[in-house]
Each structure stands twice: as structure tokens, then as C-alpha cells.
Amino acid sequence: VLDRDALRDAIAAVMIEVSAGRVSLPSRVAAERSEPFGVMAAMPAY
């Protein structure tokens, strides 16, 4: 179902919202292990 042209337009539009300060966008958080290296990260937004 993914349409690349529609997605490009959607990304442009949402980035305008981000720069305008209209998005709730906490920083990415991650849990890491060292050996072997691995990370699980959570990325929420509204």
C-alpha cells in the first residue's frame, strides 16, 4: 500500500509541522548492551 510520491509529500508536510513547533517529539531513548553491541530504542511522537 505504500506510495513513494505520497510518502515524500507526507514527510515534507510533517517536517514543516516539526519546525513550526506543532509536534510533540521527545528525544529517542535507548537501552544498550556492550558485548556484543546491541541497542533497543523507543521513538514516540504525536
ModelCIF file with pLDDT and N, C-alpha, C, O atoms, coordinates in Angstrom:
data_MODEL
#
_entry.id   MODEL 
#
_entity.id                         1 
_entity.type                       polymer 
_entity.pdbx_number_of_molecules   1 
#
_entity_poly.entity_id                      1 
_entity_poly.type                           'polypeptide(L)' 
_entity_poly.nstd_linkage                   no 
_entity_poly.nstd_monomer                   no 
_entity_poly.pdbx_seq_one_letter_code       VLDRDALRDAIAAVMIEVSAGRVSLPSRVAAERSEPFGVMAAMPAY 
_entity_poly.pdbx_seq_one_letter_code_can   VLDRDALRDAIAAVMIEVSAGRVSLPSRVAAERSEPFGVMAAMPAY 
_entity_poly.pdbx_strand_id                 A 
#
loop_
_entity_poly_seq.entity_id 
_entity_poly_seq.num 
_entity_poly_seq.mon_id 
_entity_poly_seq.hetero 
1 1  VAL n 
1 2  LEU n 
1 3  ASP n 
1 4  ARG n 
1 5  ASP n 
1 6  ALA n 
1 7  LEU n 
1 8  ARG n 
1 9  ASP n 
1 10 ALA n 
1 11 ILE n 
1 12 ALA n 
1 13 ALA n 
1 14 VAL n 
1 15 MET n 
1 16 ILE n 
1 17 GLU n 
1 18 VAL n 
1 19 SER n 
1 20 ALA n 
1 21 GLY n 
1 22 ARG n 
1 23 VAL n 
1 24 SER n 
1 25 LEU n 
1 26 PRO n 
1 27 SER n 
1 28 ARG n 
1 29 VAL n 
1 30 ALA n 
1 31 ALA n 
1 32 GLU n 
1 33 ARG n 
1 34 SER n 
1 35 GLU n 
1 36 PRO n 
1 37 PHE n 
1 38 GLY n 
1 39 VAL n 
1 40 MET n 
1 41 ALA n 
1 42 ALA n 
1 43 MET n 
1 44 PRO n 
1 45 ALA n 
1 46 TYR n 
#
_struct_asym.id          A 
_struct_asym.entity_id   1 
#
loop_
_ma_qa_metric.id 
_ma_qa_metric.mode 
_ma_qa_metric.name 
_ma_qa_metric.software_group_id 
_ma_qa_metric.type 
1 global pLDDT . pLDDT 
2 local  pLDDT . pLDDT 
#
_ma_qa_metric_global.metric_id      1 
_ma_qa_metric_global.metric_value   96.22 
_ma_qa_metric_global.model_id       1 
_ma_qa_metric_global.ordinal_id     1 
#
loop_
_ma_qa_metric_local.label_asym_id 
_ma_qa_metric_local.label_comp_id 
_ma_qa_metric_local.label_seq_id 
_ma_qa_metric_local.metric_id 
_ma_qa_metric_local.metric_value 
_ma_qa_metric_local.model_id 
_ma_qa_metric_local.ordinal_id 
A VAL 1  2 98.00 1 1  
A LEU 2  2 98.00 1 2  
A ASP 3  2 98.00 1 3  
A ARG 4  2 98.00 1 4  
A ASP 5  2 98.00 1 5  
A ALA 6  2 98.00 1 6  
A LEU 7  2 98.00 1 7  
A ARG 8  2 98.00 1 8  
A ASP 9  2 98.00 1 9  
A ALA 10 2 98.00 1 10 
A ILE 11 2 98.00 1 11 
A ALA 12 2 98.00 1 12 
A ALA 13 2 98.00 1 13 
A VAL 14 2 98.00 1 14 
A MET 15 2 98.00 1 15 
A ILE 16 2 98.00 1 16 
A GLU 17 2 98.00 1 17 
A VAL 18 2 98.00 1 18 
A SER 19 2 98.00 1 19 
A ALA 20 2 98.00 1 20 
A GLY 21 2 98.00 1 21 
A ARG 22 2 98.00 1 22 
A VAL 23 2 98.00 1 23 
A SER 24 2 98.00 1 24 
A LEU 25 2 97.00 1 25 
A PRO 26 2 96.00 1 26 
A SER 27 2 93.00 1 27 
A ARG 28 2 94.00 1 28 
A VAL 29 2 95.00 1 29 
A ALA 30 2 94.00 1 30 
A ALA 31 2 95.00 1 31 
A GLU 32 2 93.00 1 32 
A ARG 33 2 93.00 1 33 
A SER 34 2 89.00 1 34 
A GLU 35 2 89.00 1 35 
A PRO 36 2 90.00 1 36 
A PHE 37 2 89.00 1 37 
A GLY 38 2 92.00 1 38 
A VAL 39 2 93.00 1 39 
A MET 40 2 96.00 1 40 
A ALA 41 2 96.00 1 41 
A ALA 42 2 98.00 1 42 
A MET 43 2 98.00 1 43 
A PRO 44 2 98.00 1 44 
A ALA 45 2 98.00 1 45 
A TYR 46 2 98.00 1 46 
#
loop_
_atom_site.group_PDB 
_atom_site.id 
_atom_site.type_symbol 
_atom_site.label_atom_id 
_atom_site.label_alt_id 
_atom_site.label_comp_id 
_atom_site.label_asym_id 
_atom_site.label_entity_id 
_atom_site.label_seq_id 
_atom_site.pdbx_PDB_ins_code 
_atom_site.Cartn_x 
_atom_site.Cartn_y 
_atom_site.Cartn_z 
_atom_site.occupancy 
_atom_site.B_iso_or_equiv 
_atom_site.pdbx_formal_charge 
_atom_site.auth_seq_id 
_atom_site.auth_comp_id 
_atom_site.auth_asym_id 
_atom_site.auth_atom_id 
_atom_site.pdbx_PDB_model_num 
ATOM 1   N N  . VAL A 1 1  ? 0.801  -1.229 0.000  1.00 98.00 ? 1  VAL A N  1 
ATOM 2   C CA . VAL A 1 1  ? 0.000  0.000  0.000  1.00 98.00 ? 1  VAL A CA 1 
ATOM 3   C C  . VAL A 1 1  ? 0.831  1.276  0.000  1.00 98.00 ? 1  VAL A C  1 
ATOM 4   O O  . VAL A 1 1  ? 0.281  2.356  -0.217 1.00 98.00 ? 1  VAL A O  1 
ATOM 5   N N  . LEU A 1 2  ? 2.147  1.189  0.237  1.00 98.00 ? 2  LEU A N  1 
ATOM 6   C CA . LEU A 1 2  ? 2.957  2.395  0.351  1.00 98.00 ? 2  LEU A CA 1 
ATOM 7   C C  . LEU A 1 2  ? 3.203  3.029  -1.019 1.00 98.00 ? 2  LEU A C  1 
ATOM 8   O O  . LEU A 1 2  ? 3.622  2.357  -1.961 1.00 98.00 ? 2  LEU A O  1 
ATOM 9   N N  . ASP A 1 3  ? 2.939  4.310  -1.112 1.00 98.00 ? 3  ASP A N  1 
ATOM 10  C CA . ASP A 1 3  ? 3.151  5.084  -2.348 1.00 98.00 ? 3  ASP A CA 1 
ATOM 11  C C  . ASP A 1 3  ? 4.298  6.065  -2.098 1.00 98.00 ? 3  ASP A C  1 
ATOM 12  O O  . ASP A 1 3  ? 4.197  6.916  -1.215 1.00 98.00 ? 3  ASP A O  1 
ATOM 13  N N  . ARG A 1 4  ? 5.376  5.958  -2.858 1.00 98.00 ? 4  ARG A N  1 
ATOM 14  C CA . ARG A 1 4  ? 6.571  6.764  -2.583 1.00 98.00 ? 4  ARG A CA 1 
ATOM 15  C C  . ARG A 1 4  ? 6.339  8.258  -2.793 1.00 98.00 ? 4  ARG A C  1 
ATOM 16  O O  . ARG A 1 4  ? 6.859  9.075  -2.033 1.00 98.00 ? 4  ARG A O  1 
ATOM 17  N N  . ASP A 1 5  ? 5.572  8.622  -3.804 1.00 98.00 ? 5  ASP A N  1 
ATOM 18  C CA . ASP A 1 5  ? 5.324  10.043 -4.028 1.00 98.00 ? 5  ASP A CA 1 
ATOM 19  C C  . ASP A 1 5  ? 4.468  10.623 -2.916 1.00 98.00 ? 5  ASP A C  1 
ATOM 20  O O  . ASP A 1 5  ? 4.735  11.724 -2.433 1.00 98.00 ? 5  ASP A O  1 
ATOM 21  N N  . ALA A 1 6  ? 3.439  9.890  -2.506 1.00 98.00 ? 6  ALA A N  1 
ATOM 22  C CA . ALA A 1 6  ? 2.596  10.349 -1.402 1.00 98.00 ? 6  ALA A CA 1 
ATOM 23  C C  . ALA A 1 6  ? 3.399  10.419 -0.107 1.00 98.00 ? 6  ALA A C  1 
ATOM 24  O O  . ALA A 1 6  ? 3.199  11.323 0.704  1.00 98.00 ? 6  ALA A O  1 
ATOM 25  N N  . LEU A 1 7  ? 4.302  9.471  0.085  1.00 98.00 ? 7  LEU A N  1 
ATOM 26  C CA . LEU A 1 7  ? 5.131  9.477  1.288  1.00 98.00 ? 7  LEU A CA 1 
ATOM 27  C C  . LEU A 1 7  ? 6.062  10.678 1.294  1.00 98.00 ? 7  LEU A C  1 
ATOM 28  O O  . LEU A 1 7  ? 6.229  11.319 2.331  1.00 98.00 ? 7  LEU A O  1 
ATOM 29  N N  . ARG A 1 8  ? 6.668  10.992 0.165  1.00 98.00 ? 8  ARG A N  1 
ATOM 30  C CA . ARG A 1 8  ? 7.555  12.159 0.101  1.00 98.00 ? 8  ARG A CA 1 
ATOM 31  C C  . ARG A 1 8  ? 6.791  13.426 0.483  1.00 98.00 ? 8  ARG A C  1 
ATOM 32  O O  . ARG A 1 8  ? 7.300  14.258 1.233  1.00 98.00 ? 8  ARG A O  1 
ATOM 33  N N  . ASP A 1 9  ? 5.573  13.569 -0.032 1.00 98.00 ? 9  ASP A N  1 
ATOM 34  C CA . ASP A 1 9  ? 4.753  14.735 0.307  1.00 98.00 ? 9  ASP A CA 1 
ATOM 35  C C  . ASP A 1 9  ? 4.412  14.743 1.796  1.00 98.00 ? 9  ASP A C  1 
ATOM 36  O O  . ASP A 1 9  ? 4.412  15.795 2.436  1.00 98.00 ? 9  ASP A O  1 
ATOM 37  N N  . ALA A 1 10 ? 4.123  13.563 2.340  1.00 98.00 ? 10 ALA A N  1 
ATOM 38  C CA . ALA A 1 10 ? 3.766  13.469 3.763  1.00 98.00 ? 10 ALA A CA 1 
ATOM 39  C C  . ALA A 1 10 ? 4.947  13.825 4.657  1.00 98.00 ? 10 ALA A C  1 
ATOM 40  O O  . ALA A 1 10 ? 4.774  14.478 5.686  1.00 98.00 ? 10 ALA A O  1 
ATOM 41  N N  . ILE A 1 11 ? 6.143  13.400 4.268  1.00 98.00 ? 11 ILE A N  1 
ATOM 42  C CA . ILE A 1 11 ? 7.334  13.720 5.056  1.00 98.00 ? 11 ILE A CA 1 
ATOM 43  C C  . ILE A 1 11 ? 7.627  15.217 4.995  1.00 98.00 ? 11 ILE A C  1 
ATOM 44  O O  . ILE A 1 11 ? 7.971  15.816 6.014  1.00 98.00 ? 11 ILE A O  1 
ATOM 45  N N  . ALA A 1 12 ? 7.500  15.823 3.836  1.00 98.00 ? 12 ALA A N  1 
ATOM 46  C CA . ALA A 1 12 ? 7.696  17.269 3.725  1.00 98.00 ? 12 ALA A CA 1 
ATOM 47  C C  . ALA A 1 12 ? 6.711  18.007 4.621  1.00 98.00 ? 12 ALA A C  1 
ATOM 48  O O  . ALA A 1 12 ? 7.087  18.950 5.318  1.00 98.00 ? 12 ALA A O  1 
ATOM 49  N N  . ALA A 1 13 ? 5.445  17.577 4.602  1.00 98.00 ? 13 ALA A N  1 
ATOM 50  C CA . ALA A 1 13 ? 4.416  18.250 5.390  1.00 98.00 ? 13 ALA A CA 1 
ATOM 51  C C  . ALA A 1 13 ? 4.658  18.097 6.890  1.00 98.00 ? 13 ALA A C  1 
ATOM 52  O O  . ALA A 1 13 ? 4.509  19.060 7.642  1.00 98.00 ? 13 ALA A O  1 
ATOM 53  N N  . VAL A 1 14 ? 5.028  16.896 7.327  1.00 98.00 ? 14 VAL A N  1 
ATOM 54  C CA . VAL A 1 14 ? 5.213  16.697 8.771  1.00 98.00 ? 14 VAL A CA 1 
ATOM 55  C C  . VAL A 1 14 ? 6.461  17.419 9.262  1.00 98.00 ? 14 VAL A C  1 
ATOM 56  O O  . VAL A 1 14 ? 6.498  17.870 10.407 1.00 98.00 ? 14 VAL A O  1 
ATOM 57  N N  . MET A 1 15 ? 7.484  17.538 8.417  1.00 98.00 ? 15 MET A N  1 
ATOM 58  C CA . MET A 1 15 ? 8.674  18.274 8.831  1.00 98.00 ? 15 MET A CA 1 
ATOM 59  C C  . MET A 1 15 ? 8.392  19.774 8.956  1.00 98.00 ? 15 MET A C  1 
ATOM 60  O O  . MET A 1 15 ? 9.000  20.450 9.786  1.00 98.00 ? 15 MET A O  1 
ATOM 61  N N  . ILE A 1 16 ? 7.485  20.290 8.148  1.00 98.00 ? 16 ILE A N  1 
ATOM 62  C CA . ILE A 1 16 ? 7.048  21.676 8.317  1.00 98.00 ? 16 ILE A CA 1 
ATOM 63  C C  . ILE A 1 16 ? 6.371  21.839 9.673  1.00 98.00 ? 16 ILE A C  1 
ATOM 64  O O  . ILE A 1 16 ? 6.581  22.841 10.357 1.00 98.00 ? 16 ILE A O  1 
ATOM 65  N N  . GLU A 1 17 ? 5.559  20.860 10.064 1.00 98.00 ? 17 GLU A N  1 
ATOM 66  C CA . GLU A 1 17 ? 4.915  20.887 11.374 1.00 98.00 ? 17 GLU A CA 1 
ATOM 67  C C  . GLU A 1 17 ? 5.946  20.843 12.500 1.00 98.00 ? 17 GLU A C  1 
ATOM 68  O O  . GLU A 1 17 ? 5.812  21.549 13.500 1.00 98.00 ? 17 GLU A O  1 
ATOM 69  N N  . VAL A 1 18 ? 6.960  20.023 12.335 1.00 98.00 ? 18 VAL A N  1 
ATOM 70  C CA . VAL A 1 18 ? 8.018  19.916 13.347 1.00 98.00 ? 18 VAL A CA 1 
ATOM 71  C C  . VAL A 1 18 ? 8.727  21.254 13.522 1.00 98.00 ? 18 VAL A C  1 
ATOM 72  O O  . VAL A 1 18 ? 8.898  21.726 14.646 1.00 98.00 ? 18 VAL A O  1 
ATOM 73  N N  . SER A 1 19 ? 9.136  21.859 12.425 1.00 98.00 ? 19 SER A N  1 
ATOM 74  C CA . SER A 1 19 ? 9.872  23.122 12.508 1.00 98.00 ? 19 SER A CA 1 
ATOM 75  C C  . SER A 1 19 ? 9.008  24.260 13.043 1.00 98.00 ? 19 SER A C  1 
ATOM 76  O O  . SER A 1 19 ? 9.526  25.232 13.594 1.00 98.00 ? 19 SER A O  1 
ATOM 77  N N  . ALA A 1 20 ? 7.686  24.137 12.880 1.00 98.00 ? 20 ALA A N  1 
ATOM 78  C CA . ALA A 1 20 ? 6.772  25.147 13.406 1.00 98.00 ? 20 ALA A CA 1 
ATOM 79  C C  . ALA A 1 20 ? 6.478  24.933 14.890 1.00 98.00 ? 20 ALA A C  1 
ATOM 80  O O  . ALA A 1 20 ? 5.775  25.736 15.504 1.00 98.00 ? 20 ALA A O  1 
ATOM 81  N N  . GLY A 1 21 ? 7.011  23.857 15.468 1.00 98.00 ? 21 GLY A N  1 
ATOM 82  C CA . GLY A 1 21 ? 6.808  23.587 16.888 1.00 98.00 ? 21 GLY A CA 1 
ATOM 83  C C  . GLY A 1 21 ? 5.452  23.018 17.225 1.00 98.00 ? 21 GLY A C  1 
ATOM 84  O O  . GLY A 1 21 ? 4.989  23.143 18.359 1.00 98.00 ? 21 GLY A O  1 
ATOM 85  N N  . ARG A 1 22 ? 4.809  22.392 16.256 1.00 98.00 ? 22 ARG A N  1 
ATOM 86  C CA . ARG A 1 22 ? 3.455  21.880 16.474 1.00 98.00 ? 22 ARG A CA 1 
ATOM 87  C C  . ARG A 1 22 ? 3.404  20.368 16.659 1.00 98.00 ? 22 ARG A C  1 
ATOM 88  O O  . ARG A 1 22 ? 2.340  19.766 16.510 1.00 98.00 ? 22 ARG A O  1 
ATOM 89  N N  . VAL A 1 23 ? 4.540  19.745 16.981 1.00 98.00 ? 23 VAL A N  1 
ATOM 90  C CA . VAL A 1 23 ? 4.613  18.294 17.159 1.00 98.00 ? 23 VAL A CA 1 
ATOM 91  C C  . VAL A 1 23 ? 5.196  17.976 18.530 1.00 98.00 ? 23 VAL A C  1 
ATOM 92  O O  . VAL A 1 23 ? 6.173  18.594 18.952 1.00 98.00 ? 23 VAL A O  1 
ATOM 93  N N  . SER A 1 24 ? 4.598  17.016 19.223 1.00 98.00 ? 24 SER A N  1 
ATOM 94  C CA . SER A 1 24 ? 5.177  16.516 20.471 1.00 98.00 ? 24 SER A CA 1 
ATOM 95  C C  . SER A 1 24 ? 6.211  15.460 20.098 1.00 98.00 ? 24 SER A C  1 
ATOM 96  O O  . SER A 1 24 ? 5.872  14.392 19.590 1.00 98.00 ? 24 SER A O  1 
ATOM 97  N N  . LEU A 1 25 ? 7.491  15.782 20.361 1.00 97.00 ? 25 LEU A N  1 
ATOM 98  C CA . LEU A 1 25 ? 8.581  14.963 19.831 1.00 97.00 ? 25 LEU A CA 1 
ATOM 99  C C  . LEU A 1 25 ? 9.673  14.777 20.887 1.00 97.00 ? 25 LEU A C  1 
ATOM 100 O O  . LEU A 1 25 ? 10.687 15.473 20.852 1.00 97.00 ? 25 LEU A O  1 
ATOM 101 N N  . PRO A 1 26 ? 9.474  13.843 21.826 1.00 96.00 ? 26 PRO A N  1 
ATOM 102 C CA . PRO A 1 26 ? 10.535 13.596 22.808 1.00 96.00 ? 26 PRO A CA 1 
ATOM 103 C C  . PRO A 1 26 ? 11.767 12.996 22.151 1.00 96.00 ? 26 PRO A C  1 
ATOM 104 O O  . PRO A 1 26 ? 11.690 12.425 21.063 1.00 96.00 ? 26 PRO A O  1 
ATOM 105 N N  . SER A 1 27 ? 12.893 13.131 22.817 1.00 93.00 ? 27 SER A N  1 
ATOM 106 C CA . SER A 1 27 ? 14.132 12.545 22.298 1.00 93.00 ? 27 SER A CA 1 
ATOM 107 C C  . SER A 1 27 ? 14.061 11.029 22.320 1.00 93.00 ? 27 SER A C  1 
ATOM 108 O O  . SER A 1 27 ? 13.405 10.437 23.178 1.00 93.00 ? 27 SER A O  1 
ATOM 109 N N  . ARG A 1 28 ? 14.738 10.412 21.377 1.00 94.00 ? 28 ARG A N  1 
ATOM 110 C CA . ARG A 1 28 ? 14.859 8.960  21.339 1.00 94.00 ? 28 ARG A CA 1 
ATOM 111 C C  . ARG A 1 28 ? 15.543 8.474  22.618 1.00 94.00 ? 28 ARG A C  1 
ATOM 112 O O  . ARG A 1 28 ? 16.504 9.084  23.087 1.00 94.00 ? 28 ARG A O  1 
ATOM 113 N N  . VAL A 1 29 ? 15.042 7.375  23.174 1.00 95.00 ? 29 VAL A N  1 
ATOM 114 C CA . VAL A 1 29 ? 15.687 6.751  24.334 1.00 95.00 ? 29 VAL A CA 1 
ATOM 115 C C  . VAL A 1 29 ? 16.100 5.344  23.947 1.00 95.00 ? 29 VAL A C  1 
ATOM 116 O O  . VAL A 1 29 ? 15.457 4.707  23.113 1.00 95.00 ? 29 VAL A O  1 
ATOM 117 N N  . ALA A 1 30 ? 17.176 4.861  24.553 1.00 94.00 ? 30 ALA A N  1 
ATOM 118 C CA . ALA A 1 30 ? 17.688 3.555  24.142 1.00 94.00 ? 30 ALA A CA 1 
ATOM 119 C C  . ALA A 1 30 ? 18.303 2.815  25.318 1.00 94.00 ? 30 ALA A C  1 
ATOM 120 O O  . ALA A 1 30 ? 18.906 3.410  26.211 1.00 94.00 ? 30 ALA A O  1 
ATOM 121 N N  . ALA A 1 31 ? 18.132 1.502  25.290 1.00 95.00 ? 31 ALA A N  1 
ATOM 122 C CA . ALA A 1 31 ? 18.836 0.609  26.205 1.00 95.00 ? 31 ALA A CA 1 
ATOM 123 C C  . ALA A 1 31 ? 19.894 -0.130 25.404 1.00 95.00 ? 31 ALA A C  1 
ATOM 124 O O  . ALA A 1 31 ? 19.618 -0.617 24.307 1.00 95.00 ? 31 ALA A O  1 
ATOM 125 N N  . GLU A 1 32 ? 21.116 -0.217 25.952 1.00 93.00 ? 32 GLU A N  1 
ATOM 126 C CA . GLU A 1 32 ? 22.231 -0.798 25.202 1.00 93.00 ? 32 GLU A CA 1 
ATOM 127 C C  . GLU A 1 32 ? 22.873 -1.947 25.963 1.00 93.00 ? 32 GLU A C  1 
ATOM 128 O O  . GLU A 1 32 ? 22.861 -1.976 27.193 1.00 93.00 ? 32 GLU A O  1 
ATOM 129 N N  . ARG A 1 33 ? 23.430 -2.886 25.221 1.00 93.00 ? 33 ARG A N  1 
ATOM 130 C CA . ARG A 1 33 ? 24.344 -3.876 25.786 1.00 93.00 ? 33 ARG A CA 1 
ATOM 131 C C  . ARG A 1 33 ? 25.664 -3.712 25.058 1.00 93.00 ? 33 ARG A C  1 
ATOM 132 O O  . ARG A 1 33 ? 25.702 -3.310 23.895 1.00 93.00 ? 33 ARG A O  1 
ATOM 133 N N  . SER A 1 34 ? 26.748 -4.028 25.755 1.00 89.00 ? 34 SER A N  1 
ATOM 134 C CA . SER A 1 34 ? 28.067 -3.713 25.193 1.00 89.00 ? 34 SER A CA 1 
ATOM 135 C C  . SER A 1 34 ? 28.663 -4.848 24.368 1.00 89.00 ? 34 SER A C  1 
ATOM 136 O O  . SER A 1 34 ? 29.201 -4.592 23.291 1.00 89.00 ? 34 SER A O  1 
ATOM 137 N N  . GLU A 1 35 ? 28.585 -6.092 24.835 1.00 89.00 ? 35 GLU A N  1 
ATOM 138 C CA . GLU A 1 35 ? 29.239 -7.200 24.151 1.00 89.00 ? 35 GLU A CA 1 
ATOM 139 C C  . GLU A 1 35 ? 28.296 -8.382 23.978 1.00 89.00 ? 35 GLU A C  1 
ATOM 140 O O  . GLU A 1 35 ? 27.905 -9.009 24.962 1.00 89.00 ? 35 GLU A O  1 
ATOM 141 N N  . PRO A 1 36 ? 27.922 -8.696 22.723 1.00 90.00 ? 36 PRO A N  1 
ATOM 142 C CA . PRO A 1 36 ? 28.112 -7.869 21.536 1.00 90.00 ? 36 PRO A CA 1 
ATOM 143 C C  . PRO A 1 36 ? 27.209 -6.651 21.600 1.00 90.00 ? 36 PRO A C  1 
ATOM 144 O O  . PRO A 1 36 ? 26.176 -6.668 22.269 1.00 90.00 ? 36 PRO A O  1 
ATOM 145 N N  . PHE A 1 37 ? 27.600 -5.604 20.909 1.00 89.00 ? 37 PHE A N  1 
ATOM 146 C CA . PHE A 1 37 ? 26.831 -4.372 20.966 1.00 89.00 ? 37 PHE A CA 1 
ATOM 147 C C  . PHE A 1 37 ? 25.429 -4.582 20.421 1.00 89.00 ? 37 PHE A C  1 
ATOM 148 O O  . PHE A 1 37 ? 25.237 -5.216 19.384 1.00 89.00 ? 37 PHE A O  1 
ATOM 149 N N  . GLY A 1 38 ? 24.455 -4.039 21.138 1.00 92.00 ? 38 GLY A N  1 
ATOM 150 C CA . GLY A 1 38 ? 23.070 -4.060 20.675 1.00 92.00 ? 38 GLY A CA 1 
ATOM 151 C C  . GLY A 1 38 ? 22.303 -2.943 21.349 1.00 92.00 ? 38 GLY A C  1 
ATOM 152 O O  . GLY A 1 38 ? 22.626 -2.546 22.468 1.00 92.00 ? 38 GLY A O  1 
ATOM 153 N N  . VAL A 1 39 ? 21.294 -2.438 20.676 1.00 93.00 ? 39 VAL A N  1 
ATOM 154 C CA . VAL A 1 39 ? 20.509 -1.341 21.229 1.00 93.00 ? 39 VAL A CA 1 
ATOM 155 C C  . VAL A 1 39 ? 19.037 -1.530 20.895 1.00 93.00 ? 39 VAL A C  1 
ATOM 156 O O  . VAL A 1 39 ? 18.683 -1.902 19.776 1.00 93.00 ? 39 VAL A O  1 
ATOM 157 N N  . MET A 1 40 ? 18.184 -1.268 21.882 1.00 96.00 ? 40 MET A N  1 
ATOM 158 C CA . MET A 1 40 ? 16.741 -1.202 21.666 1.00 96.00 ? 40 MET A CA 1 
ATOM 159 C C  . MET A 1 40 ? 16.316 0.232  21.968 1.00 96.00 ? 40 MET A C  1 
ATOM 160 O O  . MET A 1 40 ? 16.489 0.716  23.087 1.00 96.00 ? 40 MET A O  1 
ATOM 161 N N  . ALA A 1 41 ? 15.762 0.904  20.965 1.00 96.00 ? 41 ALA A N  1 
ATOM 162 C CA . ALA A 1 41 ? 15.393 2.309  21.107 1.00 96.00 ? 41 ALA A CA 1 
ATOM 163 C C  . ALA A 1 41 ? 13.891 2.488  20.940 1.00 96.00 ? 41 ALA A C  1 
ATOM 164 O O  . ALA A 1 41 ? 13.241 1.754  20.196 1.00 96.00 ? 41 ALA A O  1 
ATOM 165 N N  . ALA A 1 42 ? 13.353 3.478  21.647 1.00 98.00 ? 42 ALA A N  1 
ATOM 166 C CA . ALA A 1 42 ? 11.935 3.822  21.546 1.00 98.00 ? 42 ALA A CA 1 
ATOM 167 C C  . ALA A 1 42 ? 11.809 5.246  21.026 1.00 98.00 ? 42 ALA A C  1 
ATOM 168 O O  . ALA A 1 42 ? 12.512 6.149  21.479 1.00 98.00 ? 42 ALA A O  1 
ATOM 169 N N  . MET A 1 43 ? 10.897 5.438  20.063 1.00 98.00 ? 43 MET A N  1 
ATOM 170 C CA . MET A 1 43 ? 10.744 6.739  19.403 1.00 98.00 ? 43 MET A CA 1 
ATOM 171 C C  . MET A 1 43 ? 9.253  7.088  19.314 1.00 98.00 ? 43 MET A C  1 
ATOM 172 O O  . MET A 1 43 ? 8.591  6.686  18.357 1.00 98.00 ? 43 MET A O  1 
ATOM 173 N N  . PRO A 1 44 ? 8.710  7.829  20.293 1.00 98.00 ? 44 PRO A N  1 
ATOM 174 C CA . PRO A 1 44 ? 7.304  8.233  20.252 1.00 98.00 ? 44 PRO A CA 1 
ATOM 175 C C  . PRO A 1 44 ? 7.120  9.641  19.694 1.00 98.00 ? 44 PRO A C  1 
ATOM 176 O O  . PRO A 1 44 ? 8.037  10.460 19.756 1.00 98.00 ? 44 PRO A O  1 
ATOM 177 N N  . ALA A 1 45 ? 5.950  9.922  19.157 1.00 98.00 ? 45 ALA A N  1 
ATOM 178 C CA . ALA A 1 45 ? 5.625  11.273 18.702 1.00 98.00 ? 45 ALA A CA 1 
ATOM 179 C C  . ALA A 1 45 ? 4.112  11.397 18.532 1.00 98.00 ? 45 ALA A C  1 
ATOM 180 O O  . ALA A 1 45 ? 3.401  10.417 18.310 1.00 98.00 ? 45 ALA A O  1 
ATOM 181 N N  . TYR A 1 46 ? 3.652  12.639 18.645 1.00 98.00 ? 46 TYR A N  1 
ATOM 182 C CA . TYR A 1 46 ? 2.241  12.971 18.405 1.00 98.00 ? 46 TYR A CA 1 
ATOM 183 C C  . TYR A 1 46 ? 2.198  14.137 17.433 1.00 98.00 ? 46 TYR A C  1 
ATOM 184 O O  . TYR A 1 46 ? 1.115  14.602 17.074 1.00 98.00 ? 46 TYR A O  1 
#
